[in-house]
Structure formats: C-alpha cells, structure tokens
C-alpha cells in the first residue's frame, strides 16, 4: 500500500514538473506571433485566478474545509509577488536567449537555495550539498556551452534568467512554509493575487502607460529605446496562448505538486521535479528546432545528477 502511495506521488510530481517545462516553449511561440511579455503574463495570471476562483467556489460546500487566517492572507499575497517576478524574469529571459539556456539558468535555484538555507540557518553547507553546488555550476558551464561558445548568449537574457532563479528560490521557500493547512488550490489562489499585482504594474509601466500617456513614454525612454512593444493591449492573447499558459503554469502544476510531495517526501519529490529540465529542453528542440549540442545534454545530465546527490540520503537506516 505504501509503495502505491509513493508511486502515486511520483506520478503527480512528474506531471506537475512536466507541465512547468512546457511553458517557455509556449511563450516563445507567442512572441513569434507578436505578443509581448506583458500580454503573456497578464493573460496567464488573469485566467489562472479565474479558473482557481471557480474551483474554490465549487469546493466551498465542503464543511471540513479550513478557513484561511487573516494574517496568512497578507503573507500569501506578499509571498505571491515572487511568483509574479519569476514569470516576468523567466519570460523576459526567453526573449533574448534559447529556451534550453533559460531553463538551465532557472535551475540555478538548486545552489542558490542551498546558499540561502545555509545563511538563514547560520550553518555551513554539508559536503554533499557543496558537491551538488559545484556540480550544478559545472553542469551550467557545459549546458550553456561557455567553453566553445557555439551557442549565442545574450547578456540581457543571462541577467533576467539569473534573476528568475533568485525569485523562484524565494517562491520555493515561502510556499513550503506558509499556510500549509490550506488545500493547494486555495493557497495558490491567494499567491496568484500577489503575483498579479507585480504583473499589472509591469503591464502598465512597460506597455499600456507609455502608449496612452506621453509623460510615461518619456519615463520609459529613460530605461529602454525599444518601443516595439508599446501598443494597445492585444486581447486575442486570452483565447490563443493565455489559456494553455494558465492551465499548465498557474493551475495544474501547483495542485499536482502539492498533492504529490506529501507522498514522495521533499527529497524524492525534488529529484522527480528535475524532470522539468529535460522536458523543457526537449520541447524547445522538437517544436522550436533550437540547437542543443551534445555538450549541452551532458551539462543537463550533470545538473540532474547534482539534484539527485543533494536530495539522496546515503545513510543506511
């Protein structure tokens, strides 16, 4: 019975991670069709909130459903801002670099989280975690092909990708420690409210505001000379890419991961969730025809091995 429970958990985590891995490819195709980062993220969060809101309404009839405490509402909304930043930074990175490189940069969360955990716990990382950190960095050198430089690396893409990893680390720490008594769909909804604040501000200052107000256009020009994305909001994003981005980015993955992790445990769950990396790269390779060299696949394998090393317990019970 216990093995069945673990297998169920592995399947939930694997599906959740795989769905996350599809996102960047969808975003890249949306960019090719003329949509902006602001339109992509706005549609994802608006539709995500709408779908999760409907799910919460249907589940309200359950008598044993715990009520959210007032202080946790504010905490989850605040924590959810990192969710908005992660989407923005990650999707901005995809504008400048290949999806396969962007997902590798996002996976820097592994060593960043180890570093943050050590600082917060005021404890030096164990030898196992130090090895994992070194392996991730080495794997990143291979996966981004820094040695041969056959893959174009835009500094802006690298910058946004690294910020996405930092923001995603914050999301992981806060989502695992706040309001764990709530079901996944309810917790995710409140976090999406926080993320939508960031996305709304980005939409206003990067697209809508400069388009309608000259003063904001002058303000925008202080930061960027690229005005291609300054136009009226294209609402067609909601029925083209908004729905798949919302379902595979803000609805299904949080629910599946929160259902799976209690059965797998944090260690096994983290190992299975690394499936996001090869899924994302394979999607980019197949659908976008991105160049992925043998040395990059080797780097990806090294990063996955590092994730396994950092989560396995080698001590015999």
C-alpha atoms as a PDB file:
ATOM      1  CA  UNK A   1       0.000   0.000   0.000  1.00  0.00           C
ATOM      2  CA  UNK A   2       2.867   2.340   0.875  1.00  0.00           C
ATOM      3  CA  UNK A   3       4.555   1.663  -2.494  1.00  0.00           C
ATOM      4  CA  UNK A   4       1.318   2.536  -4.312  1.00  0.00           C
ATOM      5  CA  UNK A   5       1.118   5.794  -2.379  1.00  0.00           C
ATOM      6  CA  UNK A   6       4.715   6.704  -3.285  1.00  0.00           C
ATOM      7  CA  UNK A   7       4.116   5.777  -6.947  1.00  0.00           C
ATOM      8  CA  UNK A   8       1.020   7.992  -6.985  1.00  0.00           C
ATOM      9  CA  UNK A   9       3.071  10.846  -5.529  1.00  0.00           C
ATOM     10  CA  UNK A  10       5.837  10.353  -8.118  1.00  0.00           C
ATOM     11  CA  UNK A  11       3.273  10.486 -10.950  1.00  0.00           C
ATOM     12  CA  UNK A  12       1.708  13.701  -9.587  1.00  0.00           C
ATOM     13  CA  UNK A  13       5.110  15.412  -9.185  1.00  0.00           C
ATOM     14  CA  UNK A  14       6.295  14.189 -12.600  1.00  0.00           C
ATOM     15  CA  UNK A  15       3.188  15.577 -14.324  1.00  0.00           C
ATOM     16  CA  UNK A  16       3.415  18.889 -12.465  1.00  0.00           C
ATOM     17  CA  UNK A  17       7.098  19.336 -13.345  1.00  0.00           C
ATOM     18  CA  UNK A  18       6.496  18.327 -16.981  1.00  0.00           C
ATOM     19  CA  UNK A  19       3.742  20.925 -17.354  1.00  0.00           C
ATOM     20  CA  UNK A  20       6.075  23.614 -15.992  1.00  0.00           C
ATOM     21  CA  UNK A  21       8.662  22.503 -18.533  1.00  0.00           C
ATOM     22  CA  UNK A  22       6.295  23.254 -21.418  1.00  0.00           C
ATOM     23  CA  UNK A  23       5.739  26.922 -20.522  1.00  0.00           C
ATOM     24  CA  UNK A  24       8.800  28.569 -22.050  1.00  0.00           C
ATOM     25  CA  UNK A  25       8.155  26.946 -25.446  1.00  0.00           C
ATOM     26  CA  UNK A  26       4.569  28.258 -25.457  1.00  0.00           C
ATOM     27  CA  UNK A  27       5.867  31.733 -24.548  1.00  0.00           C
ATOM     28  CA  UNK A  28       8.482  31.654 -27.319  1.00  0.00           C
ATOM     29  CA  UNK A  29       5.795  30.791 -29.911  1.00  0.00           C
ATOM     30  CA  UNK A  30       3.565  33.587 -28.543  1.00  0.00           C
ATOM     31  CA  UNK A  31       6.463  36.035 -29.006  1.00  0.00           C
ATOM     32  CA  UNK A  32       6.851  34.895 -32.622  1.00  0.00           C
ATOM     33  CA  UNK A  33       3.162  35.718 -33.149  1.00  0.00           C
ATOM     34  CA  UNK A  34       3.715  39.299 -31.947  1.00  0.00           C
ATOM     35  CA  UNK A  35       2.558  39.134 -28.317  1.00  0.00           C
ATOM     36  CA  UNK A  36       4.511  40.960 -25.616  1.00  0.00           C
ATOM     37  CA  UNK A  37       5.806  39.771 -22.237  1.00  0.00           C
ATOM     38  CA  UNK A  38       3.186  41.946 -20.522  1.00  0.00           C
ATOM     39  CA  UNK A  39       0.349  40.390 -22.545  1.00  0.00           C
ATOM     40  CA  UNK A  40       1.600  36.842 -21.972  1.00  0.00           C
ATOM     41  CA  UNK A  41       1.976  37.200 -18.195  1.00  0.00           C
ATOM     42  CA  UNK A  42      -1.258  39.181 -17.781  1.00  0.00           C
ATOM     43  CA  UNK A  43      -3.336  36.579 -19.611  1.00  0.00           C
ATOM     44  CA  UNK A  44      -1.696  33.765 -17.643  1.00  0.00           C
ATOM     45  CA  UNK A  45      -2.425  35.324 -14.254  1.00  0.00           C
ATOM     46  CA  UNK A  46      -5.915  36.642 -15.052  1.00  0.00           C
ATOM     47  CA  UNK A  47      -7.118  33.301 -16.415  1.00  0.00           C
ATOM     48  CA  UNK A  48      -5.278  31.426 -13.631  1.00  0.00           C
ATOM     49  CA  UNK A  49      -7.105  33.453 -10.975  1.00  0.00           C
ATOM     50  CA  UNK A  50     -10.421  32.953 -12.790  1.00  0.00           C
ATOM     51  CA  UNK A  51     -10.008  29.156 -13.031  1.00  0.00           C
ATOM     52  CA  UNK A  52      -8.781  28.745  -9.443  1.00  0.00           C
ATOM     53  CA  UNK A  53     -11.547  31.093  -8.254  1.00  0.00           C
ATOM     54  CA  UNK A  54     -14.162  28.815  -9.862  1.00  0.00           C
ATOM     55  CA  UNK A  55     -12.518  25.740  -8.305  1.00  0.00           C
ATOM     56  CA  UNK A  56     -12.597  27.423  -4.879  1.00  0.00           C
ATOM     57  CA  UNK A  57     -16.283  28.310  -5.297  1.00  0.00           C
ATOM     58  CA  UNK A  58     -17.155  24.681  -6.067  1.00  0.00           C
ATOM     59  CA  UNK A  59     -15.148  23.460  -3.063  1.00  0.00           C
ATOM     60  CA  UNK A  60     -16.730  25.934  -0.609  1.00  0.00           C
ATOM     61  CA  UNK A  61     -19.567  23.475   0.056  1.00  0.00           C
ATOM     62  CA  UNK A  62     -17.149  21.195   1.916  1.00  0.00           C
ATOM     63  CA  UNK A  63     -17.771  21.604   5.637  1.00  0.00           C
ATOM     64  CA  UNK A  64     -14.337  20.369   6.718  1.00  0.00           C
ATOM     65  CA  UNK A  65     -12.508  22.928   4.547  1.00  0.00           C
ATOM     66  CA  UNK A  66     -10.230  25.033   6.795  1.00  0.00           C
ATOM     67  CA  UNK A  67     -10.735  28.798   6.796  1.00  0.00           C
ATOM     68  CA  UNK A  68      -7.746  30.961   5.988  1.00  0.00           C
ATOM     69  CA  UNK A  69      -6.485  33.168   8.830  1.00  0.00           C
ATOM     70  CA  UNK A  70      -6.373  36.911   8.165  1.00  0.00           C
ATOM     71  CA  UNK A  71      -2.631  37.177   8.776  1.00  0.00           C
ATOM     72  CA  UNK A  72      -1.982  34.353   6.286  1.00  0.00           C
ATOM     73  CA  UNK A  73      -3.893  36.196   3.553  1.00  0.00           C
ATOM     74  CA  UNK A  74      -1.389  39.062   3.712  1.00  0.00           C
ATOM     75  CA  UNK A  75       1.579  36.688   3.943  1.00  0.00           C
ATOM     76  CA  UNK A  76       0.478  34.627   0.945  1.00  0.00           C
ATOM     77  CA  UNK A  77      -0.207  37.728  -1.164  1.00  0.00           C
ATOM     78  CA  UNK A  78       3.235  39.092  -0.258  1.00  0.00           C
ATOM     79  CA  UNK A  79       4.868  35.720  -0.988  1.00  0.00           C
ATOM     80  CA  UNK A  80       2.959  35.541  -4.268  1.00  0.00           C
ATOM     81  CA  UNK A  81       4.763  38.623  -5.565  1.00  0.00           C
ATOM     82  CA  UNK A  82       7.801  36.381  -6.085  1.00  0.00           C
ATOM     83  CA  UNK A  83       5.579  34.224  -8.312  1.00  0.00           C
ATOM     84  CA  UNK A  84       4.902  37.266 -10.492  1.00  0.00           C
ATOM     85  CA  UNK A  85       8.591  38.233 -10.575  1.00  0.00           C
ATOM     86  CA  UNK A  86       9.609  34.676 -11.528  1.00  0.00           C
ATOM     87  CA  UNK A  87       7.240  34.604 -14.519  1.00  0.00           C
ATOM     88  CA  UNK A  88       8.311  38.076 -15.663  1.00  0.00           C
ATOM     89  CA  UNK A  89      12.047  37.454 -15.336  1.00  0.00           C
ATOM     90  CA  UNK A  90      11.847  33.995 -16.928  1.00  0.00           C
ATOM     91  CA  UNK A  91       9.739  35.170 -19.880  1.00  0.00           C
ATOM     92  CA  UNK A  92      11.991  38.211 -20.378  1.00  0.00           C
ATOM     93  CA  UNK A  93      14.997  35.871 -20.492  1.00  0.00           C
ATOM     94  CA  UNK A  94      13.302  33.794 -23.207  1.00  0.00           C
ATOM     95  CA  UNK A  95      13.140  36.961 -25.350  1.00  0.00           C
ATOM     96  CA  UNK A  96      16.931  37.090 -25.581  1.00  0.00           C
ATOM     97  CA  UNK A  97      18.178  33.505 -25.233  1.00  0.00           C
ATOM     98  CA  UNK A  98      17.131  29.985 -26.204  1.00  0.00           C
ATOM     99  CA  UNK A  99      14.590  28.167 -24.059  1.00  0.00           C
ATOM    100  CA  UNK A 100      17.168  25.445 -23.373  1.00  0.00           C
ATOM    101  CA  UNK A 101      19.547  28.046 -21.882  1.00  0.00           C
ATOM    102  CA  UNK A 102      16.787  29.829 -19.935  1.00  0.00           C
ATOM    103  CA  UNK A 103      15.668  26.644 -18.142  1.00  0.00           C
ATOM    104  CA  UNK A 104      19.292  25.860 -17.227  1.00  0.00           C
ATOM    105  CA  UNK A 105      19.589  29.316 -15.662  1.00  0.00           C
ATOM    106  CA  UNK A 106      16.333  28.767 -13.761  1.00  0.00           C
ATOM    107  CA  UNK A 107      17.815  25.551 -12.347  1.00  0.00           C
ATOM    108  CA  UNK A 108      20.465  27.641 -10.563  1.00  0.00           C
ATOM    109  CA  UNK A 109      17.808  27.604  -7.859  1.00  0.00           C
ATOM    110  CA  UNK A 110      19.494  24.395  -6.636  1.00  0.00           C
ATOM    111  CA  UNK A 111      22.715  26.055  -5.439  1.00  0.00           C
ATOM    112  CA  UNK A 112      21.041  29.387  -4.575  1.00  0.00           C
ATOM    113  CA  UNK A 113      18.583  27.611  -2.247  1.00  0.00           C
ATOM    114  CA  UNK A 114      21.470  25.724  -0.593  1.00  0.00           C
ATOM    115  CA  UNK A 115      23.251  29.042  -0.061  1.00  0.00           C
ATOM    116  CA  UNK A 116      20.133  30.783   1.318  1.00  0.00           C
ATOM    117  CA  UNK A 117      19.376  27.803   3.565  1.00  0.00           C
ATOM    118  CA  UNK A 118      22.913  27.979   4.997  1.00  0.00           C
ATOM    119  CA  UNK A 119      22.699  31.737   5.609  1.00  0.00           C
ATOM    120  CA  UNK A 120      19.279  31.531   7.283  1.00  0.00           C
ATOM    121  CA  UNK A 121      20.301  28.513   9.358  1.00  0.00           C
ATOM    122  CA  UNK A 122      23.727  30.045  10.108  1.00  0.00           C
ATOM    123  CA  UNK A 123      25.299  26.715   9.271  1.00  0.00           C
ATOM    124  CA  UNK A 124      27.975  25.820   6.726  1.00  0.00           C
ATOM    125  CA  UNK A 125      26.638  23.540   3.921  1.00  0.00           C
ATOM    126  CA  UNK A 126      27.393  19.832   4.256  1.00  0.00           C
ATOM    127  CA  UNK A 127      29.944  18.163   1.976  1.00  0.00           C
ATOM    128  CA  UNK A 128      27.101  16.580  -0.018  1.00  0.00           C
ATOM    129  CA  UNK A 129      25.498  19.968  -0.688  1.00  0.00           C
ATOM    130  CA  UNK A 130      28.831  21.577  -1.562  1.00  0.00           C
ATOM    131  CA  UNK A 131      29.449  18.827  -4.127  1.00  0.00           C
ATOM    132  CA  UNK A 132      25.951  19.442  -5.523  1.00  0.00           C
ATOM    133  CA  UNK A 133      26.660  23.195  -5.819  1.00  0.00           C
ATOM    134  CA  UNK A 134      29.912  22.581  -7.683  1.00  0.00           C
ATOM    135  CA  UNK A 135      28.232  20.053  -9.997  1.00  0.00           C
ATOM    136  CA  UNK A 136      25.399  22.480 -10.819  1.00  0.00           C
ATOM    137  CA  UNK A 137      27.871  25.233 -11.683  1.00  0.00           C
ATOM    138  CA  UNK A 138      29.980  22.827 -13.761  1.00  0.00           C
ATOM    139  CA  UNK A 139      26.866  21.479 -15.469  1.00  0.00           C
ATOM    140  CA  UNK A 140      25.795  25.059 -16.243  1.00  0.00           C
ATOM    141  CA  UNK A 141      29.140  25.760 -17.953  1.00  0.00           C
ATOM    142  CA  UNK A 142      28.543  22.701 -20.157  1.00  0.00           C
ATOM    143  CA  UNK A 143      24.814  23.284 -20.715  1.00  0.00           C
ATOM    144  CA  UNK A 144      25.318  26.906 -21.794  1.00  0.00           C
ATOM    145  CA  UNK A 145      28.379  25.833 -23.815  1.00  0.00           C
ATOM    146  CA  UNK A 146      30.594  28.565 -22.374  1.00  0.00           C
ATOM    147  CA  UNK A 147      33.663  26.537 -23.386  1.00  0.00           C
ATOM    148  CA  UNK A 148      33.071  26.525 -27.160  1.00  0.00           C
ATOM    149  CA  UNK A 149      30.656  29.464 -27.414  1.00  0.00           C
ATOM    150  CA  UNK A 150      28.775  27.862 -30.320  1.00  0.00           C
ATOM    151  CA  UNK A 151      25.509  28.973 -28.718  1.00  0.00           C
ATOM    152  CA  UNK A 152      24.752  32.707 -28.668  1.00  0.00           C
ATOM    153  CA  UNK A 153      24.479  34.050 -25.108  1.00  0.00           C
ATOM    154  CA  UNK A 154      22.852  37.466 -24.794  1.00  0.00           C
ATOM    155  CA  UNK A 155      23.927  39.269 -21.551  1.00  0.00           C
ATOM    156  CA  UNK A 156      20.362  40.569 -21.039  1.00  0.00           C
ATOM    157  CA  UNK A 157      18.997  37.029 -21.256  1.00  0.00           C
ATOM    158  CA  UNK A 158      21.577  35.763 -18.758  1.00  0.00           C
ATOM    159  CA  UNK A 159      20.725  38.633 -16.391  1.00  0.00           C
ATOM    160  CA  UNK A 160      16.960  38.025 -16.477  1.00  0.00           C
ATOM    161  CA  UNK A 161      17.449  34.256 -16.258  1.00  0.00           C
ATOM    162  CA  UNK A 162      19.567  34.559 -13.116  1.00  0.00           C
ATOM    163  CA  UNK A 163      17.005  36.922 -11.545  1.00  0.00           C
ATOM    164  CA  UNK A 164      14.306  34.348 -12.348  1.00  0.00           C
ATOM    165  CA  UNK A 165      16.298  31.717 -10.424  1.00  0.00           C
ATOM    166  CA  UNK A 166      16.663  34.066  -7.416  1.00  0.00           C
ATOM    167  CA  UNK A 167      12.944  34.853  -7.457  1.00  0.00           C
ATOM    168  CA  UNK A 168      11.993  31.179  -7.869  1.00  0.00           C
ATOM    169  CA  UNK A 169      14.129  30.349  -4.828  1.00  0.00           C
ATOM    170  CA  UNK A 170      12.055  32.836  -2.819  1.00  0.00           C
ATOM    171  CA  UNK A 171       8.855  31.237  -4.125  1.00  0.00           C
ATOM    172  CA  UNK A 172      10.038  27.762  -3.053  1.00  0.00           C
ATOM    173  CA  UNK A 173      10.965  28.864   0.470  1.00  0.00           C
ATOM    174  CA  UNK A 174       7.765  30.841   1.085  1.00  0.00           C
ATOM    175  CA  UNK A 175       5.311  28.368  -0.469  1.00  0.00           C
ATOM    176  CA  UNK A 176       6.738  25.496   1.579  1.00  0.00           C
ATOM    177  CA  UNK A 177       6.498  27.363   4.887  1.00  0.00           C
ATOM    178  CA  UNK A 178       3.278  29.412   4.728  1.00  0.00           C
ATOM    179  CA  UNK A 179      -0.295  28.306   5.475  1.00  0.00           C
ATOM    180  CA  UNK A 180       0.352  24.607   4.935  1.00  0.00           C
ATOM    181  CA  UNK A 181      -3.034  23.804   6.478  1.00  0.00           C
ATOM    182  CA  UNK A 182      -4.760  25.093   3.325  1.00  0.00           C
ATOM    183  CA  UNK A 183      -5.511  22.926   0.272  1.00  0.00           C
ATOM    184  CA  UNK A 184      -3.295  23.624  -2.748  1.00  0.00           C
ATOM    185  CA  UNK A 185      -5.991  25.296  -4.871  1.00  0.00           C
ATOM    186  CA  UNK A 186      -6.847  27.807  -2.121  1.00  0.00           C
ATOM    187  CA  UNK A 187      -3.234  28.603  -1.238  1.00  0.00           C
ATOM    188  CA  UNK A 188      -2.324  29.010  -4.910  1.00  0.00           C
ATOM    189  CA  UNK A 189      -5.208  31.454  -5.459  1.00  0.00           C
ATOM    190  CA  UNK A 190      -4.002  33.846  -2.751  1.00  0.00           C
ATOM    191  CA  UNK A 191      -0.439  33.661  -4.046  1.00  0.00           C
ATOM    192  CA  UNK A 192      -1.688  34.448  -7.549  1.00  0.00           C
ATOM    193  CA  UNK A 193      -3.308  37.620  -6.194  1.00  0.00           C
ATOM    194  CA  UNK A 194       0.157  38.743  -5.088  1.00  0.00           C
ATOM    195  CA  UNK A 195       1.733  37.792  -8.416  1.00  0.00           C
ATOM    196  CA  UNK A 196      -0.989  39.644 -10.330  1.00  0.00           C
ATOM    197  CA  UNK A 197      -0.041  42.907  -8.581  1.00  0.00           C
ATOM    198  CA  UNK A 198       3.502  42.683  -9.985  1.00  0.00           C
ATOM    199  CA  UNK A 199       2.269  41.649 -13.437  1.00  0.00           C
ATOM    200  CA  UNK A 200      -0.289  44.506 -13.505  1.00  0.00           C
ATOM    201  CA  UNK A 201       2.371  47.082 -12.611  1.00  0.00           C
ATOM    202  CA  UNK A 202       4.643  45.696 -15.330  1.00  0.00           C
ATOM    203  CA  UNK A 203       1.803  45.851 -17.882  1.00  0.00           C
ATOM    204  CA  UNK A 204       1.063  49.482 -17.016  1.00  0.00           C
ATOM    205  CA  UNK A 205       4.635  50.813 -16.976  1.00  0.00           C
ATOM    206  CA  UNK A 206       6.010  48.777 -19.899  1.00  0.00           C
ATOM    207  CA  UNK A 207       3.121  48.880 -22.355  1.00  0.00           C
ATOM    208  CA  UNK A 208      -0.251  50.473 -21.564  1.00  0.00           C
ATOM    209  CA  UNK A 209       1.007  53.562 -19.725  1.00  0.00           C
ATOM    210  CA  UNK A 210       3.586  54.687 -22.331  1.00  0.00           C
ATOM    211  CA  UNK A 211       1.060  54.044 -25.126  1.00  0.00           C
ATOM    212  CA  UNK A 212      -1.641  56.326 -23.679  1.00  0.00           C
ATOM    213  CA  UNK A 213       0.445  58.901 -21.762  1.00  0.00           C
ATOM    214  CA  UNK A 214       3.349  60.901 -23.209  1.00  0.00           C
ATOM    215  CA  UNK A 215       4.822  61.529 -19.759  1.00  0.00           C
ATOM    216  CA  UNK A 216       5.098  57.780 -19.153  1.00  0.00           C
ATOM    217  CA  UNK A 217       6.591  57.309 -22.619  1.00  0.00           C
ATOM    218  CA  UNK A 218       9.305  59.809 -21.703  1.00  0.00           C
ATOM    219  CA  UNK A 219       9.827  57.921 -18.437  1.00  0.00           C
ATOM    220  CA  UNK A 220      10.011  54.615 -20.336  1.00  0.00           C
ATOM    221  CA  UNK A 221      12.623  56.003 -22.748  1.00  0.00           C
ATOM    222  CA  UNK A 222      14.964  56.567 -19.805  1.00  0.00           C
ATOM    223  CA  UNK A 223      15.225  52.790 -19.419  1.00  0.00           C
ATOM    224  CA  UNK A 224      14.782  51.412 -22.936  1.00  0.00           C
ATOM    225  CA  UNK A 225      14.779  52.594 -26.545  1.00  0.00           C
ATOM    226  CA  UNK A 226      12.812  49.549 -27.712  1.00  0.00           C
ATOM    227  CA  UNK A 227       9.265  50.772 -28.371  1.00  0.00           C
ATOM    228  CA  UNK A 228       8.068  47.797 -30.444  1.00  0.00           C
ATOM    229  CA  UNK A 229       6.005  46.520 -27.537  1.00  0.00           C
ATOM    230  CA  UNK A 230       4.303  49.864 -26.879  1.00  0.00           C
ATOM    231  CA  UNK A 231       0.789  49.433 -28.242  1.00  0.00           C
ATOM    232  CA  UNK A 232      -2.782  48.802 -27.106  1.00  0.00           C
ATOM    233  CA  UNK A 233      -3.351  45.521 -25.268  1.00  0.00           C
ATOM    234  CA  UNK A 234      -3.986  42.647 -27.676  1.00  0.00           C
ATOM    235  CA  UNK A 235      -6.899  40.784 -26.084  1.00  0.00           C
ATOM    236  CA  UNK A 236      -6.607  37.885 -28.531  1.00  0.00           C
ATOM    237  CA  UNK A 237      -3.851  36.508 -26.230  1.00  0.00           C
ATOM    238  CA  UNK A 238      -6.611  35.324 -23.887  1.00  0.00           C
ATOM    239  CA  UNK A 239      -8.031  32.807 -26.365  1.00  0.00           C
ATOM    240  CA  UNK A 240      -4.756  31.875 -28.084  1.00  0.00           C
ATOM    241  CA  UNK A 241      -1.964  31.299 -25.547  1.00  0.00           C
ATOM    242  CA  UNK A 242      -3.427  32.648 -22.306  1.00  0.00           C
ATOM    243  CA  UNK A 243      -5.460  29.538 -21.551  1.00  0.00           C
ATOM    244  CA  UNK A 244      -2.681  26.926 -22.011  1.00  0.00           C
ATOM    245  CA  UNK A 245      -0.250  29.153 -20.079  1.00  0.00           C
ATOM    246  CA  UNK A 246      -2.739  29.487 -17.221  1.00  0.00           C
ATOM    247  CA  UNK A 247      -3.587  25.764 -17.113  1.00  0.00           C
ATOM    248  CA  UNK A 248      -0.006  24.484 -17.447  1.00  0.00           C
ATOM    249  CA  UNK A 249       1.605  27.313 -15.453  1.00  0.00           C
ATOM    250  CA  UNK A 250      -0.659  28.515 -12.650  1.00  0.00           C
ATOM    251  CA  UNK A 251      -3.383  25.892 -12.157  1.00  0.00           C
ATOM    252  CA  UNK A 252      -2.285  22.271 -12.669  1.00  0.00           C
ATOM    253  CA  UNK A 253       1.393  22.323 -11.520  1.00  0.00           C
ATOM    254  CA  UNK A 254       0.798  23.802  -8.024  1.00  0.00           C
ATOM    255  CA  UNK A 255      -2.110  21.421  -7.403  1.00  0.00           C
ATOM    256  CA  UNK A 256      -0.239  18.355  -8.700  1.00  0.00           C
ATOM    257  CA  UNK A 257       2.999  19.181  -6.852  1.00  0.00           C
ATOM    258  CA  UNK A 258       1.153  19.854  -3.585  1.00  0.00           C
ATOM    259  CA  UNK A 259      -0.708  16.540  -3.968  1.00  0.00           C
ATOM    260  CA  UNK A 260       2.453  14.625  -4.840  1.00  0.00           C
ATOM    261  CA  UNK A 261       5.039  15.937  -2.356  1.00  0.00           C
ATOM    262  CA  UNK A 262       3.267  14.583   0.781  1.00  0.00           C
ATOM    263  CA  UNK A 263       3.547  11.068  -0.717  1.00  0.00           C
ATOM    264  CA  UNK A 264       7.102  11.321  -2.072  1.00  0.00           C
ATOM    265  CA  UNK A 265       8.714  13.479   0.604  1.00  0.00           C
ATOM    266  CA  UNK A 266      10.821  16.543  -0.166  1.00  0.00           C
ATOM    267  CA  UNK A 267      13.923  14.579  -1.248  1.00  0.00           C
ATOM    268  CA  UNK A 268      12.347  12.181  -3.760  1.00  0.00           C
ATOM    269  CA  UNK A 269       9.927  14.909  -4.874  1.00  0.00           C
ATOM    270  CA  UNK A 270      12.792  17.294  -5.692  1.00  0.00           C
ATOM    271  CA  UNK A 271      14.544  14.595  -7.714  1.00  0.00           C
ATOM    272  CA  UNK A 272      11.399  13.807  -9.732  1.00  0.00           C
ATOM    273  CA  UNK A 273      10.638  17.527 -10.250  1.00  0.00           C
ATOM    274  CA  UNK A 274      14.009  17.927 -12.008  1.00  0.00           C
ATOM    275  CA  UNK A 275      12.185  16.293 -14.936  1.00  0.00           C
ATOM    276  CA  UNK A 276      11.202  19.880 -15.790  1.00  0.00           C
ATOM    277  CA  UNK A 277      14.697  20.441 -17.214  1.00  0.00           C
ATOM    278  CA  UNK A 278      14.829  17.702 -19.905  1.00  0.00           C
ATOM    279  CA  UNK A 279      11.134  18.243 -20.782  1.00  0.00           C
ATOM    280  CA  UNK A 280      11.717  21.952 -21.407  1.00  0.00           C
ATOM    281  CA  UNK A 281      14.854  21.361 -23.492  1.00  0.00           C
ATOM    282  CA  UNK A 282      13.202  18.556 -25.496  1.00  0.00           C
ATOM    283  CA  UNK A 283      10.139  20.735 -26.219  1.00  0.00           C
ATOM    284  CA  UNK A 284      12.423  23.538 -27.449  1.00  0.00           C
ATOM    285  CA  UNK A 285      14.417  21.058 -29.557  1.00  0.00           C
ATOM    286  CA  UNK A 286      11.343  19.454 -31.167  1.00  0.00           C
ATOM    287  CA  UNK A 287       8.928  22.393 -31.550  1.00  0.00           C
ATOM    288  CA  UNK A 288      11.271  25.378 -31.837  1.00  0.00           C
ATOM    289  CA  UNK A 289      14.116  23.497 -33.575  1.00  0.00           C
ATOM    290  CA  UNK A 290      16.620  25.052 -31.179  1.00  0.00           C
ATOM    291  CA  UNK A 291      20.198  23.874 -31.461  1.00  0.00           C
ATOM    292  CA  UNK A 292      21.085  21.654 -28.496  1.00  0.00           C
ATOM    293  CA  UNK A 293      24.615  20.271 -28.712  1.00  0.00           C
ATOM    294  CA  UNK A 294      25.904  17.049 -27.160  1.00  0.00           C
ATOM    295  CA  UNK A 295      27.931  19.053 -24.630  1.00  0.00           C
ATOM    296  CA  UNK A 296      24.718  20.796 -23.527  1.00  0.00           C
ATOM    297  CA  UNK A 297      22.888  17.494 -22.994  1.00  0.00           C
ATOM    298  CA  UNK A 298      25.893  16.400 -20.903  1.00  0.00           C
ATOM    299  CA  UNK A 299      25.600  19.564 -18.798  1.00  0.00           C
ATOM    300  CA  UNK A 300      21.870  18.965 -18.284  1.00  0.00           C
ATOM    301  CA  UNK A 301      22.626  15.397 -17.134  1.00  0.00           C
ATOM    302  CA  UNK A 302      25.239  16.748 -14.676  1.00  0.00           C
ATOM    303  CA  UNK A 303      22.696  19.225 -13.217  1.00  0.00           C
ATOM    304  CA  UNK A 304      20.087  16.475 -12.777  1.00  0.00           C
ATOM    305  CA  UNK A 305      22.741  14.289 -11.125  1.00  0.00           C
ATOM    306  CA  UNK A 306      23.558  17.188  -8.776  1.00  0.00           C
ATOM    307  CA  UNK A 307      19.878  17.471  -7.804  1.00  0.00           C
ATOM    308  CA  UNK A 308      19.815  13.745  -7.050  1.00  0.00           C
ATOM    309  CA  UNK A 309      23.038  13.999  -4.997  1.00  0.00           C
ATOM    310  CA  UNK A 310      21.690  16.910  -2.944  1.00  0.00           C
ATOM    311  CA  UNK A 311      18.474  15.072  -2.025  1.00  0.00           C
ATOM    312  CA  UNK A 312      19.513  11.431  -1.540  1.00  0.00           C
ATOM    313  CA  UNK A 313      20.236  10.175   1.940  1.00  0.00           C
ATOM    314  CA  UNK A 314      23.241   7.854   1.790  1.00  0.00           C
ATOM    315  CA  UNK A 315      22.995   6.731   5.405  1.00  0.00           C
ATOM    316  CA  UNK A 316      21.566   3.258   5.887  1.00  0.00           C
ATOM    317  CA  UNK A 317      18.580   3.068   8.188  1.00  0.00           C
END
